[in-house]
Amino acid sequence: MVAFFKIVLYQPLLNALVLITALVPGGDVGVAIIFLTIVVKILLIPLSTKALETQEKMRDLEPKLRVIREKYKNDKRVQAERTMELYKTEGMNPLSGLMLTIIQIPILIALYFVFSHGLPFKPELLYSFVHLPAQLQFLFLGFIDLAKENYPLAIISGVSQFFQMQLAVPPLPKKDANHQKTLSDDFARSMNMNMRYVMPVMIAIIGLKLPSAIVLYWVTNNLFMIGHELIRRRKKRLALAHQQPQRSKPTS
């Protein structure tokens, strides 16, 4: 399994990083990390978009699912049957979003290892047609050592994570006085708060102890996801606007 991971994911990404570094003026490895991260994220856009759409559909179904849970709370078998019937009626596969996310995980892990263990570049891992650039710069923009910690970059990673979570994690629904709170409701609220506020702080703290190469990758990843989500939402708003019937102009 380790050999498969190395040959299929780690080594190709490492060689891609070397090739991109050779094209970057001055051989700035930090700039190459940004470009490689963006390229990989662009290739994963179809999977990411599909996973996000599935999550949105699941959120839209939540009120109906809540009714089923309340109505059949004493009969778990019927509750499960009604839930599956709802998924079938709506053309939903609740596992598809999870599977699409799982598919992306090995690629992201491989990128992590490239930036954490692949620097400085090891010639024995390069393909025969890939050669180390004559000039290599491991100081990103001339002053951030990619092999060492960088506190400002770690803080930026936490801030970017915060804004990314605000877009990725939906706000909690307003409390309904008629709805009886359950353990699952409390758990969902706790998870929501942790994802929105605790996770960015943890990312920043972890970033303080990691090489800047990994933190730079994480910042780039967050900024890309923020931009992708904003563009996706804009397209969705435009599509909804076009679907609405245009009001006829008043005749004089």
Protein backbone atom coordinates (compact mmCIF):
# COMPACT_ATOMS: atom_id res chain seq x y z
CA MET A 1 0.00 0.00 0.00
CA VAL A 2 2.83 2.39 0.86
CA ALA A 3 4.60 1.59 -2.41
CA PHE A 4 1.37 2.17 -4.35
CA PHE A 5 0.86 5.55 -2.63
CA LYS A 6 4.45 6.55 -3.40
CA ILE A 7 4.38 5.54 -7.07
CA VAL A 8 0.87 6.69 -7.98
CA LEU A 9 0.54 9.92 -5.96
CA TYR A 10 3.62 11.08 -4.07
CA GLN A 11 6.26 10.72 -6.79
CA PRO A 12 4.18 12.28 -9.63
CA LEU A 13 3.32 15.29 -7.46
CA LEU A 14 6.94 15.69 -6.35
CA ASN A 15 8.13 15.63 -9.97
CA ALA A 16 5.39 18.08 -10.93
CA LEU A 17 6.66 20.44 -8.22
CA VAL A 18 10.21 20.21 -9.60
CA LEU A 19 8.97 20.90 -13.15
CA ILE A 20 6.98 23.93 -12.01
CA THR A 21 9.95 25.21 -9.97
CA ALA A 22 12.08 25.05 -13.12
CA LEU A 23 9.58 27.36 -14.84
CA VAL A 24 9.38 29.88 -11.99
CA PRO A 25 11.79 32.82 -12.35
CA GLY A 26 14.55 32.49 -9.77
CA GLY A 27 13.49 28.94 -8.90
CA ASP A 28 11.28 30.13 -6.01
CA VAL A 29 9.96 26.87 -4.53
CA GLY A 30 7.28 28.76 -2.57
CA VAL A 31 5.77 30.15 -5.78
CA ALA A 32 5.92 26.64 -7.27
CA ILE A 33 4.03 25.29 -4.23
CA ILE A 34 1.27 27.85 -4.83
CA PHE A 35 1.02 26.95 -8.53
CA LEU A 36 1.00 23.19 -7.87
CA THR A 37 -1.70 23.56 -5.20
CA ILE A 38 -3.86 25.60 -7.59
CA VAL A 39 -3.39 23.09 -10.43
CA VAL A 40 -4.41 20.16 -8.20
CA LYS A 41 -7.42 22.07 -6.83
CA ILE A 42 -8.55 22.94 -10.37
CA LEU A 43 -8.36 19.27 -11.36
CA LEU A 44 -10.46 18.38 -8.30
CA ILE A 45 -13.12 21.05 -8.96
CA PRO A 46 -15.64 18.60 -10.51
CA LEU A 47 -15.46 16.37 -7.42
CA SER A 48 -15.51 19.33 -5.01
CA THR A 49 -18.49 20.93 -6.73
CA LYS A 50 -20.45 17.68 -6.76
CA ALA A 51 -19.74 17.13 -3.06
CA LEU A 52 -20.87 20.69 -2.22
CA GLU A 53 -24.06 20.28 -4.23
CA THR A 54 -24.82 17.04 -2.39
CA GLN A 55 -24.29 18.78 0.95
CA GLU A 56 -26.66 21.56 -0.07
CA LYS A 57 -29.34 19.08 -1.09
CA MET A 58 -28.93 17.32 2.26
CA ARG A 59 -29.41 20.65 4.06
CA ASP A 60 -32.54 21.35 2.00
CA LEU A 61 -33.94 17.97 3.04
CA GLU A 62 -33.21 18.52 6.73
CA PRO A 63 -36.70 19.90 7.61
CA LYS A 64 -38.36 16.82 6.04
CA LEU A 65 -35.88 14.52 7.77
CA ARG A 66 -36.62 16.22 11.08
CA VAL A 67 -40.34 15.57 10.63
CA ILE A 68 -39.63 11.89 9.97
CA ARG A 69 -37.40 11.63 13.04
CA GLU A 70 -40.05 13.27 15.24
CA LYS A 71 -42.93 11.22 13.82
CA TYR A 72 -41.20 7.85 14.08
CA LYS A 73 -38.89 8.48 17.01
CA ASN A 74 -40.20 5.36 18.77
CA ASP A 75 -39.79 3.08 15.75
CA LYS A 76 -36.27 3.21 14.32
CA ARG A 77 -37.02 0.65 11.62
CA VAL A 78 -39.90 2.67 10.14
CA GLN A 79 -37.85 5.83 10.58
CA ALA A 80 -35.05 4.34 8.48
CA GLU A 81 -37.51 3.11 5.84
CA ARG A 82 -39.19 6.53 5.52
CA THR A 83 -35.80 8.22 5.35
CA MET A 84 -34.64 5.98 2.51
CA GLU A 85 -37.95 6.53 0.71
CA LEU A 86 -37.40 10.29 0.94
CA TYR A 87 -33.87 9.96 -0.47
CA LYS A 88 -35.22 7.83 -3.33
CA THR A 89 -38.03 10.27 -4.08
CA GLU A 90 -35.62 13.20 -4.14
CA GLY A 91 -33.05 11.28 -6.20
CA MET A 92 -30.48 11.58 -3.44
CA ASN A 93 -27.64 9.30 -2.43
CA PRO A 94 -26.52 10.43 1.05
CA LEU A 95 -23.21 8.57 0.67
CA SER A 96 -22.19 10.17 -2.63
CA GLY A 97 -20.92 13.37 -1.03
CA LEU A 98 -18.91 11.37 1.48
CA MET A 99 -17.40 9.18 -1.22
CA LEU A 100 -16.44 12.20 -3.34
CA THR A 101 -14.68 13.70 -0.32
CA ILE A 102 -12.89 10.44 0.49
CA ILE A 103 -11.56 10.22 -3.09
CA GLN A 104 -9.82 13.58 -2.65
CA ILE A 105 -8.19 12.76 0.69
CA PRO A 106 -5.27 10.60 -0.63
CA ILE A 107 -4.32 13.34 -3.11
CA LEU A 108 -4.30 16.00 -0.40
CA ILE A 109 -2.28 13.71 1.90
CA ALA A 110 0.23 13.16 -0.92
CA LEU A 111 0.59 16.93 -1.33
CA TYR A 112 1.21 17.23 2.40
CA PHE A 113 4.02 14.67 2.25
CA VAL A 114 5.52 16.34 -0.82
CA PHE A 115 5.80 19.63 1.04
CA SER A 116 6.82 18.11 4.37
CA HIS A 117 9.23 15.36 3.25
CA GLY A 118 10.05 16.23 -0.36
CA LEU A 119 12.07 19.35 0.45
CA PRO A 120 14.89 19.68 -0.32
CA PHE A 121 14.37 17.68 -3.51
CA LYS A 122 15.84 14.18 -3.62
CA PRO A 123 17.30 13.40 -7.09
CA GLU A 124 16.68 9.65 -6.67
CA LEU A 125 12.92 10.28 -6.64
CA LEU A 126 12.90 12.21 -9.90
CA TYR A 127 11.98 10.70 -13.25
CA SER A 128 14.70 10.34 -15.87
CA PHE A 129 13.30 13.28 -17.87
CA VAL A 130 13.03 15.58 -14.83
CA HIS A 131 16.12 17.47 -13.72
CA LEU A 132 16.72 19.74 -10.78
CA PRO A 133 16.75 23.42 -11.78
CA ALA A 134 20.13 25.10 -11.82
CA GLN A 135 18.79 27.65 -9.36
CA LEU A 136 16.67 26.76 -6.34
CA GLN A 137 15.33 29.31 -3.88
CA PHE A 138 13.90 27.92 -0.65
CA LEU A 139 13.26 31.41 0.71
CA PHE A 140 9.73 32.24 -0.41
CA LEU A 141 9.69 35.81 -1.75
CA GLY A 142 13.23 36.06 -0.47
CA PHE A 143 12.53 36.06 3.27
CA ILE A 144 10.27 33.13 4.33
CA ASP A 145 12.32 29.98 4.93
CA LEU A 146 10.11 27.12 3.72
CA ALA A 147 11.89 24.62 5.98
CA LYS A 148 11.23 26.61 9.18
CA GLU A 149 8.25 27.93 11.10
CA ASN A 150 6.86 31.36 10.28
CA TYR A 151 4.49 32.96 12.78
CA PRO A 152 2.85 35.57 10.48
CA LEU A 153 2.14 32.88 7.88
CA ALA A 154 0.65 30.64 10.59
CA ILE A 155 -1.68 33.47 11.67
CA ILE A 156 -2.71 34.02 8.04
CA SER A 157 -3.54 30.32 7.81
CA GLY A 158 -5.86 30.65 10.81
CA VAL A 159 -7.55 33.77 9.42
CA SER A 160 -8.03 32.21 5.98
CA GLN A 161 -9.39 29.07 7.63
CA PHE A 162 -11.90 31.20 9.57
CA PHE A 163 -13.31 32.81 6.42
CA GLN A 164 -13.30 29.49 4.58
CA MET A 165 -15.31 27.90 7.39
CA GLN A 166 -17.84 30.76 7.35
CA LEU A 167 -18.60 29.84 3.74
CA ALA A 168 -18.34 26.06 4.08
CA VAL A 169 -20.32 25.55 7.30
CA PRO A 170 -23.96 26.65 7.04
CA PRO A 171 -25.34 28.84 9.83
CA LEU A 172 -27.46 27.07 12.38
CA PRO A 173 -31.23 27.38 11.89
CA LYS A 174 -33.05 29.72 14.24
CA LYS A 175 -34.34 28.10 17.38
CA ASP A 176 -37.92 26.94 17.14
CA ALA A 177 -39.82 27.26 20.42
CA ASN A 178 -42.11 24.40 19.39
CA HIS A 179 -39.24 22.08 18.56
CA GLN A 180 -38.02 19.87 21.36
CA LYS A 181 -34.22 19.85 21.48
CA THR A 182 -32.57 16.47 21.08
CA LEU A 183 -29.07 15.16 21.68
CA SER A 184 -28.40 15.29 17.93
CA ASP A 185 -29.41 18.97 17.86
CA ASP A 186 -26.96 19.77 20.66
CA PHE A 187 -24.24 17.79 18.91
CA ALA A 188 -24.88 19.59 15.59
CA ARG A 189 -24.74 22.99 17.30
CA SER A 190 -21.51 22.08 19.09
CA MET A 191 -19.89 20.83 15.87
CA ASN A 192 -20.98 23.95 14.02
CA MET A 193 -19.43 26.24 16.63
CA ASN A 194 -16.22 24.21 16.77
CA MET A 195 -15.83 24.21 12.97
CA ARG A 196 -16.48 27.94 12.72
CA TYR A 197 -14.42 29.25 15.62
CA VAL A 198 -12.28 26.58 17.28
CA MET A 199 -10.85 24.96 14.15
CA PRO A 200 -9.28 28.19 12.75
CA VAL A 201 -7.53 28.79 16.07
CA MET A 202 -6.26 25.20 16.11
CA ILE A 203 -5.00 25.52 12.53
CA ALA A 204 -3.06 28.65 13.45
CA ILE A 205 -1.55 26.98 16.55
CA ILE A 206 -0.57 23.88 14.58
CA GLY A 207 0.88 26.10 11.85
CA LEU A 208 3.23 27.65 14.39
CA LYS A 209 5.01 24.29 14.65
CA LEU A 210 5.03 23.28 10.99
CA PRO A 211 7.47 24.13 8.18
CA SER A 212 6.32 27.15 6.20
CA ALA A 213 6.04 25.03 3.03
CA ILE A 214 3.06 23.15 4.52
CA VAL A 215 1.46 26.31 5.92
CA LEU A 216 1.85 28.05 2.55
CA TYR A 217 0.06 25.12 0.92
CA TRP A 218 -2.74 25.36 3.49
CA VAL A 219 -3.17 29.11 2.98
CA THR A 220 -3.28 28.65 -0.80
CA ASN A 221 -5.80 25.84 -0.40
CA ASN A 222 -8.04 27.99 1.82
CA LEU A 223 -7.90 31.00 -0.51
CA PHE A 224 -8.70 28.83 -3.51
CA MET A 225 -11.69 27.26 -1.74
CA ILE A 226 -12.95 30.69 -0.68
CA GLY A 227 -12.74 31.94 -4.26
CA HIS A 228 -14.33 28.76 -5.64
CA GLU A 229 -17.26 28.98 -3.23
CA LEU A 230 -17.86 32.69 -3.93
CA ILE A 231 -17.87 32.06 -7.69
CA ARG A 232 -20.15 29.05 -7.28
CA ARG A 233 -22.62 31.05 -5.20
CA ARG A 234 -22.60 33.90 -7.71
CA LYS A 235 -23.36 31.50 -10.56
CA LYS A 236 -26.17 29.99 -8.50
CA ARG A 237 -27.69 33.44 -7.82
CA LEU A 238 -27.51 34.32 -11.52
CA ALA A 239 -29.12 31.02 -12.48
CA LEU A 240 -31.96 31.60 -10.01
CA ALA A 241 -32.41 35.14 -11.28
CA HIS A 242 -32.77 33.89 -14.86
CA GLN A 243 -35.30 31.28 -13.77
CA GLN A 244 -37.60 33.88 -12.20
CA PRO A 245 -40.24 35.17 -14.62
CA GLN A 246 -39.44 38.66 -15.78
CA ARG A 247 -41.95 41.29 -14.78
CA SER A 248 -43.69 42.81 -17.71
CA LYS A 249 -43.11 46.49 -18.23
CA PRO A 250 -46.10 48.70 -17.47
CA THR A 251 -47.79 49.98 -20.57
CA SER A 252 -48.17 53.70 -20.93
